[in-house]
Protein backbone atom coordinates (compact mmCIF):
# COMPACT_ATOMS: atom_id res chain seq x y z
CA MET A 1 37.66 146.34 80.79
CA ASP A 2 35.22 147.33 78.04
CA LYS A 3 35.85 146.93 74.31
CA ILE A 4 37.21 150.45 73.77
CA GLU A 5 39.62 150.19 76.71
CA LEU A 6 40.87 146.86 75.39
CA LEU A 7 41.41 148.27 71.89
CA GLN A 8 43.33 151.22 73.35
CA SER A 9 45.72 148.77 75.04
CA VAL A 10 46.40 146.78 71.85
CA PRO A 11 49.26 148.18 69.68
CA LEU A 12 47.31 147.31 66.53
CA PHE A 13 44.61 149.86 67.42
CA SER A 14 46.28 152.15 69.96
CA SER A 15 46.96 155.01 67.50
CA LEU A 16 43.25 155.56 66.82
CA ASN A 17 41.07 158.12 68.58
CA LYS A 18 38.07 157.12 70.70
CA ILE A 19 35.56 157.87 67.96
CA SER A 20 37.31 155.47 65.58
CA LEU A 21 37.72 152.87 68.31
CA LYS A 22 34.02 153.09 69.10
CA LYS A 23 33.14 152.45 65.45
CA ILE A 24 35.38 149.40 65.36
CA SER A 25 34.16 148.08 68.72
CA GLU A 26 30.56 148.22 67.51
CA LYS A 27 31.43 145.74 64.75
CA MET A 28 32.98 143.30 67.22
CA VAL A 29 30.98 140.39 68.63
CA THR A 30 31.80 138.99 72.08
CA ARG A 31 32.16 135.21 72.25
CA SER A 32 32.82 133.07 75.33
CA TYR A 33 34.66 129.75 75.25
CA SER A 34 35.30 127.27 78.02
CA LYS A 35 38.73 125.75 78.56
CA GLY A 36 39.77 123.21 75.92
CA LYS A 37 37.45 124.44 73.17
CA MET A 38 38.59 124.51 69.55
CA VAL A 39 38.23 128.05 68.20
CA VAL A 40 39.95 127.60 64.82
CA ILE A 41 40.54 124.37 62.89
CA GLU A 42 43.57 124.01 60.62
CA GLU A 43 42.76 124.12 56.88
CA SER A 44 39.16 125.26 57.44
CA MET A 45 38.10 128.39 55.59
CA GLY A 46 38.70 131.49 57.70
CA ARG A 47 36.05 134.19 57.90
CA THR A 48 36.76 135.65 61.34
CA PHE A 49 39.44 137.70 63.09
CA PHE A 50 39.77 137.21 66.86
CA LEU A 51 41.06 139.45 69.65
CA ILE A 52 41.54 137.99 73.15
CA LYS A 53 39.69 139.98 75.81
CA SER A 54 40.47 137.53 78.63
CA GLY A 55 41.90 134.05 79.00
CA ALA A 56 44.51 132.40 76.79
CA VAL A 57 44.83 130.13 73.76
CA LYS A 58 47.45 127.91 72.16
CA VAL A 59 48.21 127.87 68.44
CA THR A 60 49.03 124.35 67.27
CA ARG A 61 49.67 122.13 64.27
CA MET A 62 49.85 118.36 63.96
CA SER A 63 53.15 116.79 62.91
CA ASP A 64 53.34 114.02 60.31
CA ASP A 65 53.49 111.41 63.09
CA GLY A 66 50.37 112.80 64.79
CA ARG A 67 52.03 114.81 67.57
CA GLU A 68 50.75 118.22 68.59
CA VAL A 69 53.30 121.00 68.00
CA ILE A 70 52.61 124.27 69.81
CA LEU A 71 53.58 127.31 67.78
CA ALA A 72 52.54 130.02 70.24
CA MET A 73 50.64 130.85 73.40
CA LEU A 74 48.49 133.98 73.21
CA GLY A 75 46.93 135.97 76.05
CA GLU A 76 44.92 139.12 76.71
CA GLY A 77 45.30 141.71 73.96
CA ASP A 78 46.74 139.26 71.41
CA PHE A 79 44.97 138.49 68.15
CA PHE A 80 44.79 135.65 65.65
CA GLY A 81 42.99 134.57 62.49
CA GLU A 82 44.26 137.40 60.28
CA MET A 83 46.23 135.31 57.76
CA ALA A 84 43.26 133.47 56.26
CA LEU A 85 41.35 136.75 55.98
CA LEU A 86 44.19 138.38 54.06
CA ASP A 87 44.88 135.66 51.50
CA GLY A 88 41.53 133.85 51.38
CA GLU A 89 43.19 130.48 52.02
CA GLY A 90 42.43 127.94 54.75
CA ARG A 91 43.51 128.35 58.36
CA SER A 92 47.23 127.74 58.88
CA ALA A 93 46.88 126.23 62.38
CA ASN A 94 44.50 125.13 65.11
CA VAL A 95 43.66 127.46 68.00
CA VAL A 96 42.48 125.96 71.30
CA THR A 97 41.61 127.70 74.57
CA ILE A 98 43.84 126.79 77.52
CA ASP A 99 41.65 128.71 80.00
CA ASP A 100 38.07 129.94 80.00
CA SER A 101 38.30 132.77 77.49
CA VAL A 102 36.36 135.73 76.13
CA LEU A 103 37.15 136.71 72.54
CA LEU A 104 36.08 139.60 70.35
CA SER A 105 35.45 138.66 66.72
CA LEU A 106 35.32 140.57 63.44
CA GLN A 107 33.94 139.18 60.20
CA ARG A 108 36.19 139.24 57.12
CA GLY A 109 34.33 142.05 55.38
CA ASP A 110 34.52 144.30 58.44
CA PHE A 111 38.18 143.42 58.99
CA LEU A 112 39.19 144.32 55.42
CA TYR A 113 37.10 147.51 55.52
CA ILE A 114 38.92 148.59 58.70
CA LEU A 115 42.32 147.98 57.07
CA GLU A 116 41.29 150.10 54.09
CA SER A 117 39.83 152.85 56.28
CA TYR A 118 42.72 153.04 58.76
CA PRO A 119 46.08 152.56 56.98
CA GLN A 120 47.94 152.87 60.30
CA ILE A 121 46.31 149.59 61.39
CA ALA A 122 47.56 147.89 58.20
CA ILE A 123 51.10 149.12 58.93
CA LYS A 124 50.94 147.85 62.54
CA LEU A 125 49.62 144.52 61.24
CA LEU A 126 52.59 144.21 58.85
CA GLU A 127 54.96 144.93 61.73
CA GLU A 128 53.33 142.23 63.85
CA LEU A 129 53.40 139.67 61.04
CA THR A 130 57.08 140.41 60.41
CA SER A 131 57.80 139.98 64.11
CA ARG A 132 56.02 136.62 64.12
CA ILE A 133 58.03 135.41 61.11
CA ARG A 134 61.29 136.35 62.84
CA TYR A 135 60.07 134.58 65.99
CA SER A 136 59.28 131.44 63.99
CA ASP A 137 62.76 131.48 62.44
CA GLN A 138 64.29 131.67 65.92
CA GLN A 139 62.07 128.82 67.11
CA ILE A 140 63.13 126.59 64.20
CA GLU A 141 66.79 127.33 64.93
CA SER A 142 66.41 126.58 68.64
CA LEU A 143 64.65 123.27 67.97
CA SER A 144 67.32 122.15 65.54
CA LEU A 145 70.45 123.27 67.40
CA SER A 146 69.66 123.12 71.13
CA ASP A 147 69.50 120.24 73.59
CA ALA A 148 66.25 119.39 75.40
CA GLU A 149 67.05 121.40 78.54
CA GLN A 150 67.83 124.55 76.58
CA ARG A 151 64.71 124.10 74.40
CA ILE A 152 62.59 123.92 77.55
CA CYS A 153 64.22 127.07 78.92
CA ILE A 154 63.62 128.84 75.60
CA ALA A 155 59.97 127.76 75.83
CA LEU A 156 59.79 129.26 79.34
CA ILE A 157 61.21 132.53 78.00
CA ARG A 158 58.57 132.56 75.26
CA LEU A 159 55.82 131.93 77.79
CA ALA A 160 57.18 134.67 80.03
CA GLU A 161 57.12 137.11 77.11
CA GLU A 162 53.67 136.06 75.95
CA LEU A 163 51.83 135.43 79.22
CA GLY A 164 54.01 136.73 82.06
CA GLN A 165 53.88 139.81 84.28
CA ILE A 166 57.17 141.67 84.78
CA LYS A 167 57.98 143.33 88.11
CA GLY A 168 61.37 144.29 89.53
CA GLY A 169 63.36 142.08 87.19
CA THR A 170 61.27 138.96 87.86
CA VAL A 171 58.59 137.53 85.58
CA THR A 172 55.58 135.67 86.95
CA ILE A 173 53.42 133.36 84.84
CA ASN A 174 50.24 132.90 86.85
CA ASN A 175 48.96 129.90 84.91
CA LEU A 176 51.92 128.03 83.47
CA PRO A 177 50.73 125.65 80.73
CA TYR A 178 50.73 121.97 81.60
CA HIS A 179 53.95 120.00 81.21
CA GLN A 180 52.68 118.24 78.08
CA ASP A 181 52.00 121.60 76.42
CA ILE A 182 55.50 122.81 77.27
CA ALA A 183 56.88 119.53 75.90
CA ASN A 184 54.96 120.13 72.67
CA MET A 185 56.51 123.59 72.43
CA ALA A 186 60.02 122.30 73.05
CA GLY A 187 59.89 119.10 71.02
CA THR A 188 60.54 116.83 73.99
CA SER A 189 58.68 114.66 76.51
CA ARG A 190 56.50 115.56 79.50
CA GLU A 191 58.86 113.62 81.79
CA THR A 192 61.84 115.68 80.57
CA VAL A 193 59.93 118.92 81.21
CA SER A 194 59.13 117.81 84.75
CA ARG A 195 62.77 116.90 85.41
CA VAL A 196 64.13 120.18 83.99
CA LEU A 197 61.65 122.33 85.92
CA LYS A 198 62.62 120.58 89.16
CA SER A 199 66.30 121.16 88.36
CA LEU A 200 65.70 124.87 87.60
CA GLU A 201 63.79 125.21 90.86
CA LYS A 202 66.55 123.48 92.82
CA LYS A 203 69.11 125.86 91.28
CA ARG A 204 66.83 128.79 92.22
CA PHE A 205 66.38 130.00 88.67
CA ILE A 206 62.62 129.66 89.13
CA ALA A 207 60.09 129.41 91.96
CA ARG A 208 56.83 127.47 91.69
CA ARG A 209 53.59 127.34 93.62
CA GLY A 210 50.99 125.24 91.85
CA ARG A 211 50.77 126.56 88.28
CA LYS A 212 52.20 129.94 89.32
CA THR A 213 55.83 130.11 88.19
CA THR A 214 58.31 132.94 88.70
CA ILE A 215 61.59 133.40 86.84
CA ARG A 216 63.68 135.08 89.54
CA ASN A 217 66.12 137.06 87.36
CA PHE A 218 64.65 137.20 83.88
CA ILE A 219 67.55 139.04 82.21
CA LYS A 220 70.09 136.58 83.60
CA PHE A 221 67.87 133.62 82.64
CA CYS A 222 67.61 134.91 79.06
CA ARG A 223 71.36 135.47 78.89
CA LEU A 224 72.09 131.92 80.05
CA PHE A 225 69.53 129.98 78.03
CA SER A 226 68.40 131.91 74.95
């Protein structure tokens, strides 16, 4: 998939014609990162907007007691880094690759010029930011009110929505994050994640083969656990 095809598939840019997409793509620089590389460091000054061409990343913060808390998992077509470019403040979180990844980057000046030149992109960006705020509110509520098993199931639903492929009512996550990462999303331990996943598999809610995980009936799973 070339840059223009990728931009066409991203809601943020999908309303633009090919001429406009070509102009934007020419300002984007391709960067490759191996698995486990830090792309963005919390509180550092942000000068770059990133769009994921391939691979996946996790967005994290460190708790007061030094634990990693995962805020989101992002895959192909997702973007990050926009907040620091908009307000000129430091980065709000760390971003680390969880697979070998290829990212497209835009410098702050180009990013702001594009927002000014294409108001429809600014509107789409506001919609996405609003959606993320609502998602964060739901995450805070789930962490405070749910037990560990339900928090893990909610994390699986998030991963399915962010990284999964939907087909015939089932959702497949080809590279499920490691148990420790899921634990960091759910505010629990790696051992608890392992136990809950085994229980869900035994009850036939999910099927696993290596890191490939399938939620058999996604609508039912969401109804039961979200």
